[in-house]
Amino acid sequence: MSYDARLRVWRGDADGGALQDYRVEVHDGEVVLDVVHRLQATQAPDLAVRWNCKAGKCGSCSAEVNGRPRLLCMTQMAGFEPDEPVTITPLRTFPVIRDLVTDVSFNYAKAREIPSFAPPPDLAPGEYRMAQVDVERSQEFRKCIECFLCQDVCHVLRDHEENKAAYAGPRFLMRVAELEMHPLDVADRVDAVQDEHGLGRCNITKCCTEVCPEGIRITDNALIPMKERVADRRYDPLVWLGRTISRRRD
């Protein structure tokens, strides 16, 4: 079975653009990326779209479909009614390069700001030993494919350009949490996640978790535990008293 889908695709560049309407043939079992490729092949050979694996593992084909951040290769056309317009737009949080391709270099800049894994100084490479039970908590975060859908949907970045300088976004706050929970990482990251990476700006709406194609519970398992660690250190009166006494003894 096939039908002609109603596609509305954003066309333009950094100077501006608009939605353009197309009719594109769709076959059973196809995803949005298949239809975009057919649009390129039949009507719009100059349409820019980023993609690579077409298997939901590279994160390249991130865009917004009917206003929701999605991977084009994992969004089934069967999820839309045949007569329903399917609107495809670039990620709203990042600058447009052309058509559906955005400049996501912000994310790589934020990644470079996260201090790397810091193993115990008395362990040489090859001497690291960890039990599975010790890594299970942070192992979930390693599933991230860096599609940056969580970054795109986070309203702290999406609606407030001025926050970008001081806020790493959910993907990289999760990276800090992964390292903080790593059984062999000895760096103290609690103060930095609040003061340097902007954890306090997150108000745990869980929108990042909702769009994650890997099903990572970013808010519940990474961001909230890090907020609890910050609160324990800075606002728990017993912890504050203990640190104060320790400083006075020093």
C-alpha atoms as a PDB file:
ATOM      1  CA  MET A   1       0.000   0.000   0.000  1.00  0.00           C
ATOM      2  CA  SER A   2       1.223   3.475  -0.827  1.00  0.00           C
ATOM      3  CA  TYR A   3      -0.148   6.976  -0.610  1.00  0.00           C
ATOM      4  CA  ASP A   4       0.989  10.560  -1.137  1.00  0.00           C
ATOM      5  CA  ALA A   5       1.932  12.234   2.135  1.00  0.00           C
ATOM      6  CA  ARG A   6       1.532  15.953   2.739  1.00  0.00           C
ATOM      7  CA  LEU A   7       4.972  17.199   3.785  1.00  0.00           C
ATOM      8  CA  ARG A   8       5.727  20.710   4.988  1.00  0.00           C
ATOM      9  CA  VAL A   9       9.509  21.128   5.038  1.00  0.00           C
ATOM     10  CA  TRP A  10      11.406  24.174   6.245  1.00  0.00           C
ATOM     11  CA  ARG A  11      13.662  25.534   3.519  1.00  0.00           C
ATOM     12  CA  GLY A  12      16.151  28.327   4.078  1.00  0.00           C
ATOM     13  CA  ASP A  13      19.389  29.300   5.730  1.00  0.00           C
ATOM     14  CA  ALA A  14      20.773  31.569   8.444  1.00  0.00           C
ATOM     15  CA  ASP A  15      19.239  34.594   6.740  1.00  0.00           C
ATOM     16  CA  GLY A  16      15.704  33.210   6.884  1.00  0.00           C
ATOM     17  CA  GLY A  17      13.350  30.774   5.245  1.00  0.00           C
ATOM     18  CA  ALA A  18       9.848  29.332   5.203  1.00  0.00           C
ATOM     19  CA  LEU A  19       7.878  26.104   5.086  1.00  0.00           C
ATOM     20  CA  GLN A  20       7.311  24.634   1.642  1.00  0.00           C
ATOM     21  CA  ASP A  21       4.593  22.122   0.806  1.00  0.00           C
ATOM     22  CA  TYR A  22       5.257  18.869  -1.027  1.00  0.00           C
ATOM     23  CA  ARG A  23       3.393  15.703  -1.932  1.00  0.00           C
ATOM     24  CA  VAL A  24       5.644  12.673  -1.575  1.00  0.00           C
ATOM     25  CA  GLU A  25       4.882   8.981  -2.087  1.00  0.00           C
ATOM     26  CA  VAL A  26       5.020   6.798   1.028  1.00  0.00           C
ATOM     27  CA  HIS A  27       5.189   3.000   1.237  1.00  0.00           C
ATOM     28  CA  ASP A  28       4.415   0.635   4.087  1.00  0.00           C
ATOM     29  CA  GLY A  29       7.039   0.490   6.831  1.00  0.00           C
ATOM     30  CA  GLU A  30       8.814   3.691   5.885  1.00  0.00           C
ATOM     31  CA  VAL A  31      10.161   6.277   8.298  1.00  0.00           C
ATOM     32  CA  VAL A  32      10.287  10.036   7.854  1.00  0.00           C
ATOM     33  CA  LEU A  33      13.895   9.891   6.661  1.00  0.00           C
ATOM     34  CA  ASP A  34      12.872   7.546   3.813  1.00  0.00           C
ATOM     35  CA  VAL A  35      10.322  10.086   2.653  1.00  0.00           C
ATOM     36  CA  VAL A  36      12.810  12.947   2.943  1.00  0.00           C
ATOM     37  CA  HIS A  37      15.239  10.964   0.780  1.00  0.00           C
ATOM     38  CA  ARG A  38      12.494  10.378  -1.796  1.00  0.00           C
ATOM     39  CA  LEU A  39      11.744  14.097  -1.747  1.00  0.00           C
ATOM     40  CA  GLN A  40      15.420  14.770  -2.472  1.00  0.00           C
ATOM     41  CA  ALA A  41      15.447  12.224  -5.294  1.00  0.00           C
ATOM     42  CA  THR A  42      12.279  13.407  -7.012  1.00  0.00           C
ATOM     43  CA  GLN A  43      11.599  17.074  -6.267  1.00  0.00           C
ATOM     44  CA  ALA A  44      14.183  18.854  -4.132  1.00  0.00           C
ATOM     45  CA  PRO A  45      17.727  17.658  -4.917  1.00  0.00           C
ATOM     46  CA  ASP A  46      19.187  20.659  -3.091  1.00  0.00           C
ATOM     47  CA  LEU A  47      17.420  19.869   0.208  1.00  0.00           C
ATOM     48  CA  ALA A  48      19.998  19.706   3.012  1.00  0.00           C
ATOM     49  CA  VAL A  49      19.514  17.045   5.693  1.00  0.00           C
ATOM     50  CA  ARG A  50      22.074  15.436   7.973  1.00  0.00           C
ATOM     51  CA  TRP A  51      22.027  11.655   8.414  1.00  0.00           C
ATOM     52  CA  ASN A  52      24.380   8.689   8.622  1.00  0.00           C
ATOM     53  CA  CYS A  53      23.458   5.281  10.056  1.00  0.00           C
ATOM     54  CA  LYS A  54      19.653   5.201   9.525  1.00  0.00           C
ATOM     55  CA  ALA A  55      19.518   2.883  12.532  1.00  0.00           C
ATOM     56  CA  GLY A  56      18.916   5.249  15.443  1.00  0.00           C
ATOM     57  CA  LYS A  57      22.480   5.002  16.708  1.00  0.00           C
ATOM     58  CA  CYS A  58      24.437   7.940  15.280  1.00  0.00           C
ATOM     59  CA  GLY A  59      22.117  10.787  16.270  1.00  0.00           C
ATOM     60  CA  SER A  60      22.777  12.644  13.015  1.00  0.00           C
ATOM     61  CA  CYS A  61      19.230  13.011  11.668  1.00  0.00           C
ATOM     62  CA  SER A  62      17.837  15.010  14.585  1.00  0.00           C
ATOM     63  CA  ALA A  63      15.078  17.405  13.577  1.00  0.00           C
ATOM     64  CA  GLU A  64      11.602  18.402  14.695  1.00  0.00           C
ATOM     65  CA  VAL A  65       8.539  16.602  13.365  1.00  0.00           C
ATOM     66  CA  ASN A  66       5.244  18.351  14.041  1.00  0.00           C
ATOM     67  CA  GLY A  67       7.073  20.409  16.656  1.00  0.00           C
ATOM     68  CA  ARG A  68       8.557  17.478  18.589  1.00  0.00           C
ATOM     69  CA  PRO A  69      12.322  16.785  18.553  1.00  0.00           C
ATOM     70  CA  ARG A  70      12.841  13.365  16.965  1.00  0.00           C
ATOM     71  CA  LEU A  71      15.242  11.209  14.998  1.00  0.00           C
ATOM     72  CA  LEU A  72      13.944  11.167  11.410  1.00  0.00           C
ATOM     73  CA  CYS A  73      15.120   7.578  10.972  1.00  0.00           C
ATOM     74  CA  MET A  74      13.140   6.353  13.992  1.00  0.00           C
ATOM     75  CA  THR A  75       9.881   8.197  13.320  1.00  0.00           C
ATOM     76  CA  GLN A  76       7.432   5.890  11.552  1.00  0.00           C
ATOM     77  CA  MET A  77       5.201   7.400   8.902  1.00  0.00           C
ATOM     78  CA  ALA A  78       2.537   4.963  10.127  1.00  0.00           C
ATOM     79  CA  GLY A  79       2.261   7.161  13.205  1.00  0.00           C
ATOM     80  CA  PHE A  80       0.567   9.859  11.126  1.00  0.00           C
ATOM     81  CA  GLU A  81      -2.772   9.755   9.353  1.00  0.00           C
ATOM     82  CA  PRO A  82      -2.425   9.635   5.540  1.00  0.00           C
ATOM     83  CA  ASP A  83      -4.114  13.023   5.172  1.00  0.00           C
ATOM     84  CA  GLU A  84      -2.277  14.593   8.127  1.00  0.00           C
ATOM     85  CA  PRO A  85       0.326  17.230   7.262  1.00  0.00           C
ATOM     86  CA  VAL A  86       3.794  16.198   8.479  1.00  0.00           C
ATOM     87  CA  THR A  87       5.850  19.281   9.277  1.00  0.00           C
ATOM     88  CA  ILE A  88       9.631  18.856   9.382  1.00  0.00           C
ATOM     89  CA  THR A  89      11.758  21.677  10.743  1.00  0.00           C
ATOM     90  CA  PRO A  90      15.352  22.046  11.977  1.00  0.00           C
ATOM     91  CA  LEU A  91      16.261  21.894  15.668  1.00  0.00           C
ATOM     92  CA  ARG A  92      15.014  25.184  17.061  1.00  0.00           C
ATOM     93  CA  THR A  93      17.628  25.649  19.773  1.00  0.00           C
ATOM     94  CA  PHE A  94      20.617  25.808  17.415  1.00  0.00           C
ATOM     95  CA  PRO A  95      21.501  28.119  14.503  1.00  0.00           C
ATOM     96  CA  VAL A  96      20.349  26.996  11.074  1.00  0.00           C
ATOM     97  CA  ILE A  97      23.007  26.286   8.472  1.00  0.00           C
ATOM     98  CA  ARG A  98      20.648  25.308   5.656  1.00  0.00           C
ATOM     99  CA  ASP A  99      17.246  23.646   5.492  1.00  0.00           C
ATOM    100  CA  LEU A 100      17.152  20.875   8.125  1.00  0.00           C
ATOM    101  CA  VAL A 101      20.842  21.138   9.085  1.00  0.00           C
ATOM    102  CA  THR A 102      21.756  23.085  12.211  1.00  0.00           C
ATOM    103  CA  ASP A 103      25.042  24.137  13.775  1.00  0.00           C
ATOM    104  CA  VAL A 104      25.354  22.023  16.939  1.00  0.00           C
ATOM    105  CA  SER A 105      28.925  23.095  17.740  1.00  0.00           C
ATOM    106  CA  PHE A 106      27.618  24.590  21.009  1.00  0.00           C
ATOM    107  CA  ASN A 107      27.401  21.044  22.325  1.00  0.00           C
ATOM    108  CA  TYR A 108      30.991  20.181  21.482  1.00  0.00           C
ATOM    109  CA  ALA A 109      32.169  23.357  23.168  1.00  0.00           C
ATOM    110  CA  LYS A 110      30.263  22.355  26.309  1.00  0.00           C
ATOM    111  CA  ALA A 111      31.736  18.848  26.138  1.00  0.00           C
ATOM    112  CA  ARG A 112      35.242  20.312  26.235  1.00  0.00           C
ATOM    113  CA  GLU A 113      34.359  22.184  29.434  1.00  0.00           C
ATOM    114  CA  ILE A 114      33.721  18.934  31.355  1.00  0.00           C
ATOM    115  CA  PRO A 115      36.922  17.720  33.074  1.00  0.00           C
ATOM    116  CA  SER A 116      37.747  14.218  31.902  1.00  0.00           C
ATOM    117  CA  PHE A 117      37.768  10.981  33.890  1.00  0.00           C
ATOM    118  CA  ALA A 118      40.165  11.240  36.854  1.00  0.00           C
ATOM    119  CA  PRO A 119      41.343   7.816  38.073  1.00  0.00           C
ATOM    120  CA  PRO A 120      43.163   7.295  41.392  1.00  0.00           C
ATOM    121  CA  PRO A 121      46.758   8.529  41.026  1.00  0.00           C
ATOM    122  CA  ASP A 122      48.188   5.317  42.481  1.00  0.00           C
ATOM    123  CA  LEU A 123      46.630   3.128  39.761  1.00  0.00           C
ATOM    124  CA  ALA A 124      48.434   2.584  36.484  1.00  0.00           C
ATOM    125  CA  PRO A 125      46.607   1.900  33.200  1.00  0.00           C
ATOM    126  CA  GLY A 126      45.540  -1.733  33.194  1.00  0.00           C
ATOM    127  CA  GLU A 127      45.120  -1.840  36.961  1.00  0.00           C
ATOM    128  CA  TYR A 128      41.570  -0.502  37.056  1.00  0.00           C
ATOM    129  CA  ARG A 129      39.198  -2.986  38.678  1.00  0.00           C
ATOM    130  CA  MET A 130      35.434  -2.515  38.993  1.00  0.00           C
ATOM    131  CA  ALA A 131      32.574  -4.854  39.815  1.00  0.00           C
ATOM    132  CA  GLN A 132      29.470  -4.735  37.623  1.00  0.00           C
ATOM    133  CA  VAL A 133      27.351  -3.729  40.592  1.00  0.00           C
ATOM    134  CA  ASP A 134      29.537  -0.637  41.018  1.00  0.00           C
ATOM    135  CA  VAL A 135      29.023   0.626  37.480  1.00  0.00           C
ATOM    136  CA  GLU A 136      25.365  -0.226  36.926  1.00  0.00           C
ATOM    137  CA  ARG A 137      24.144   3.150  38.134  1.00  0.00           C
ATOM    138  CA  SER A 138      26.190   5.191  35.672  1.00  0.00           C
ATOM    139  CA  GLN A 139      26.244   2.659  32.833  1.00  0.00           C
ATOM    140  CA  GLU A 140      22.814   3.794  31.656  1.00  0.00           C
ATOM    141  CA  PHE A 141      24.256   7.184  30.722  1.00  0.00           C
ATOM    142  CA  ARG A 142      26.759   5.566  28.351  1.00  0.00           C
ATOM    143  CA  LYS A 143      23.895   4.720  25.991  1.00  0.00           C
ATOM    144  CA  CYS A 144      23.734   8.371  24.904  1.00  0.00           C
ATOM    145  CA  ILE A 145      24.136   8.741  21.115  1.00  0.00           C
ATOM    146  CA  GLU A 146      24.534  12.530  21.313  1.00  0.00           C
ATOM    147  CA  CYS A 147      21.598  13.299  19.084  1.00  0.00           C
ATOM    148  CA  PHE A 148      21.167  16.462  21.199  1.00  0.00           C
ATOM    149  CA  LEU A 149      17.389  16.140  21.234  1.00  0.00           C
ATOM    150  CA  CYS A 150      17.490  16.661  25.001  1.00  0.00           C
ATOM    151  CA  GLN A 151      19.512  19.823  24.476  1.00  0.00           C
ATOM    152  CA  ASP A 152      17.041  21.023  21.860  1.00  0.00           C
ATOM    153  CA  VAL A 153      13.919  20.463  23.963  1.00  0.00           C
ATOM    154  CA  CYS A 154      15.358  21.889  27.203  1.00  0.00           C
ATOM    155  CA  HIS A 155      13.514  25.188  27.578  1.00  0.00           C
ATOM    156  CA  VAL A 156      16.408  26.691  29.570  1.00  0.00           C
ATOM    157  CA  LEU A 157      18.338  26.671  26.276  1.00  0.00           C
ATOM    158  CA  ARG A 158      15.459  26.669  23.812  1.00  0.00           C
ATOM    159  CA  ASP A 159      13.730  29.789  25.086  1.00  0.00           C
ATOM    160  CA  HIS A 160      16.643  31.695  26.597  1.00  0.00           C
ATOM    161  CA  GLU A 161      19.644  32.245  24.368  1.00  0.00           C
ATOM    162  CA  GLU A 162      21.311  34.186  27.157  1.00  0.00           C
ATOM    163  CA  ASN A 163      21.573  31.009  29.264  1.00  0.00           C
ATOM    164  CA  LYS A 164      23.888  29.209  26.868  1.00  0.00           C
ATOM    165  CA  ALA A 165      27.074  30.711  28.251  1.00  0.00           C
ATOM    166  CA  ALA A 166      26.384  29.469  31.791  1.00  0.00           C
ATOM    167  CA  TYR A 167      24.358  26.295  31.215  1.00  0.00           C
ATOM    168  CA  ALA A 168      25.682  23.005  29.862  1.00  0.00           C
ATOM    169  CA  GLY A 169      22.284  21.439  29.228  1.00  0.00           C
ATOM    170  CA  PRO A 170      20.957  18.003  30.198  1.00  0.00           C
ATOM    171  CA  ARG A 171      23.320  15.976  28.038  1.00  0.00           C
ATOM    172  CA  PHE A 172      26.433  17.370  29.724  1.00  0.00           C
ATOM    173  CA  LEU A 173      24.975  17.621  33.204  1.00  0.00           C
ATOM    174  CA  MET A 174      24.360  13.912  32.735  1.00  0.00           C
ATOM    175  CA  ARG A 175      28.014  13.507  31.745  1.00  0.00           C
ATOM    176  CA  VAL A 176      29.082  15.143  35.006  1.00  0.00           C
ATOM    177  CA  ALA A 177      26.728  12.816  36.892  1.00  0.00           C
ATOM    178  CA  GLU A 178      28.209   9.807  35.096  1.00  0.00           C
ATOM    179  CA  LEU A 179      31.708  10.769  36.202  1.00  0.00           C
ATOM    180  CA  GLU A 180      30.599  11.710  39.718  1.00  0.00           C
ATOM    181  CA  MET A 181      29.004   8.255  40.104  1.00  0.00           C
ATOM    182  CA  HIS A 182      31.921   6.387  38.530  1.00  0.00           C
ATOM    183  CA  PRO A 183      33.514   4.095  41.135  1.00  0.00           C
ATOM    184  CA  LEU A 184      37.065   5.025  40.085  1.00  0.00           C
ATOM    185  CA  ASP A 185      36.692   8.753  39.438  1.00  0.00           C
ATOM    186  CA  VAL A 186      38.269  10.712  42.287  1.00  0.00           C
ATOM    187  CA  ALA A 187      37.503  14.272  41.161  1.00  0.00           C
ATOM    188  CA  ASP A 188      35.080  16.324  43.226  1.00  0.00           C
ATOM    189  CA  ARG A 189      32.510  17.623  40.743  1.00  0.00           C
ATOM    190  CA  VAL A 190      29.705  18.742  43.062  1.00  0.00           C
ATOM    191  CA  ASP A 191      30.601  22.435  43.255  1.00  0.00           C
ATOM    192  CA  ALA A 192      31.545  22.643  39.584  1.00  0.00           C
ATOM    193  CA  VAL A 193      28.256  21.178  38.346  1.00  0.00           C
ATOM    194  CA  GLN A 194      26.414  23.967  40.141  1.00  0.00           C
ATOM    195  CA  ASP A 195      28.759  26.916  39.676  1.00  0.00           C
ATOM    196  CA  GLU A 196      30.314  26.214  36.273  1.00  0.00           C
ATOM    197  CA  HIS A 197      27.785  24.062  34.424  1.00  0.00           C
ATOM    198  CA  GLY A 198      24.540  25.632  35.658  1.00  0.00           C
ATOM    199  CA  LEU A 199      22.735  22.712  37.284  1.00  0.00           C
ATOM    200  CA  GLY A 200      20.649  25.137  39.347  1.00  0.00           C
ATOM    201  CA  ARG A 201      18.964  26.441  36.177  1.00  0.00           C
ATOM    202  CA  CYS A 202      17.378  23.037  35.539  1.00  0.00           C
ATOM    203  CA  ASN A 203      13.874  22.854  37.012  1.00  0.00           C
ATOM    204  CA  ILE A 204      13.353  19.127  36.314  1.00  0.00           C
ATOM    205  CA  THR A 205      10.424  19.275  33.881  1.00  0.00           C
ATOM    206  CA  LYS A 206      11.624  15.904  32.476  1.00  0.00           C
ATOM    207  CA  CYS A 207      11.180  17.072  28.878  1.00  0.00           C
ATOM    208  CA  CYS A 208      14.721  15.833  28.147  1.00  0.00           C
ATOM    209  CA  THR A 209      13.797  12.320  29.299  1.00  0.00           C
ATOM    210  CA  GLU A 210      10.641  12.342  27.172  1.00  0.00           C
ATOM    211  CA  VAL A 211      12.517  12.854  23.881  1.00  0.00           C
ATOM    212  CA  CYS A 212      15.544  10.606  24.551  1.00  0.00           C
ATOM    213  CA  PRO A 213      15.562   7.893  21.837  1.00  0.00           C
ATOM    214  CA  GLU A 214      17.602   5.613  24.112  1.00  0.00           C
ATOM    215  CA  GLY A 215      15.120   5.879  26.962  1.00  0.00           C
ATOM    216  CA  ILE A 216      17.698   7.244  29.403  1.00  0.00           C
ATOM    217  CA  ARG A 217      16.022   8.600  32.533  1.00  0.00           C
ATOM    218  CA  ILE A 218      18.104  11.750  32.440  1.00  0.00           C
ATOM    219  CA  THR A 219      16.150  13.696  35.025  1.00  0.00           C
ATOM    220  CA  ASP A 220      15.436  10.980  37.570  1.00  0.00           C
ATOM    221  CA  ASN A 221      18.755   9.156  37.443  1.00  0.00           C
ATOM    222  CA  ALA A 222      21.261  11.927  36.703  1.00  0.00           C
ATOM    223  CA  LEU A 223      20.010  15.466  37.289  1.00  0.00           C
ATOM    224  CA  ILE A 224      17.989  14.962  40.461  1.00  0.00           C
ATOM    225  CA  PRO A 225      20.751  12.934  42.194  1.00  0.00           C
ATOM    226  CA  MET A 226      23.243  15.673  41.353  1.00  0.00           C
ATOM    227  CA  LYS A 227      20.876  18.314  42.724  1.00  0.00           C
ATOM    228  CA  GLU A 228      20.609  16.252  45.912  1.00  0.00           C
ATOM    229  CA  ARG A 229      24.390  16.145  46.257  1.00  0.00           C
ATOM    230  CA  VAL A 230      24.605  19.910  45.829  1.00  0.00           C
ATOM    231  CA  ALA A 231      21.820  20.436  48.383  1.00  0.00           C
ATOM    232  CA  ASP A 232      23.461  18.068  50.870  1.00  0.00           C
ATOM    233  CA  ARG A 233      26.760  19.891  50.649  1.00  0.00           C
ATOM    234  CA  ARG A 234      25.501  23.450  50.638  1.00  0.00           C
ATOM    235  CA  TYR A 235      22.266  23.432  52.582  1.00  0.00           C
ATOM    236  CA  ASP A 236      22.268  20.480  54.987  1.00  0.00           C
ATOM    237  CA  PRO A 237      22.948  22.091  58.394  1.00  0.00           C
ATOM    238  CA  LEU A 238      24.828  19.056  59.755  1.00  0.00           C
ATOM    239  CA  VAL A 239      27.101  18.895  56.715  1.00  0.00           C
ATOM    240  CA  TRP A 240      27.684  22.648  56.961  1.00  0.00           C
ATOM    241  CA  LEU A 241      28.542  22.324  60.665  1.00  0.00           C
ATOM    242  CA  GLY A 242      30.939  19.457  60.001  1.00  0.00           C
ATOM    243  CA  ARG A 243      32.737  21.368  57.249  1.00  0.00           C
ATOM    244  CA  THR A 244      32.945  24.469  59.415  1.00  0.00           C
ATOM    245  CA  ILE A 245      34.494  22.531  62.318  1.00  0.00           C
ATOM    246  CA  SER A 246      36.914  20.827  59.957  1.00  0.00           C
ATOM    247  CA  ARG A 247      38.058  24.165  58.513  1.00  0.00           C
ATOM    248  CA  ARG A 248      38.608  25.592  61.988  1.00  0.00           C
ATOM    249  CA  ARG A 249      40.732  22.601  62.981  1.00  0.00           C
ATOM    250  CA  ASP A 250      42.840  23.069  59.878  1.00  0.00           C
END
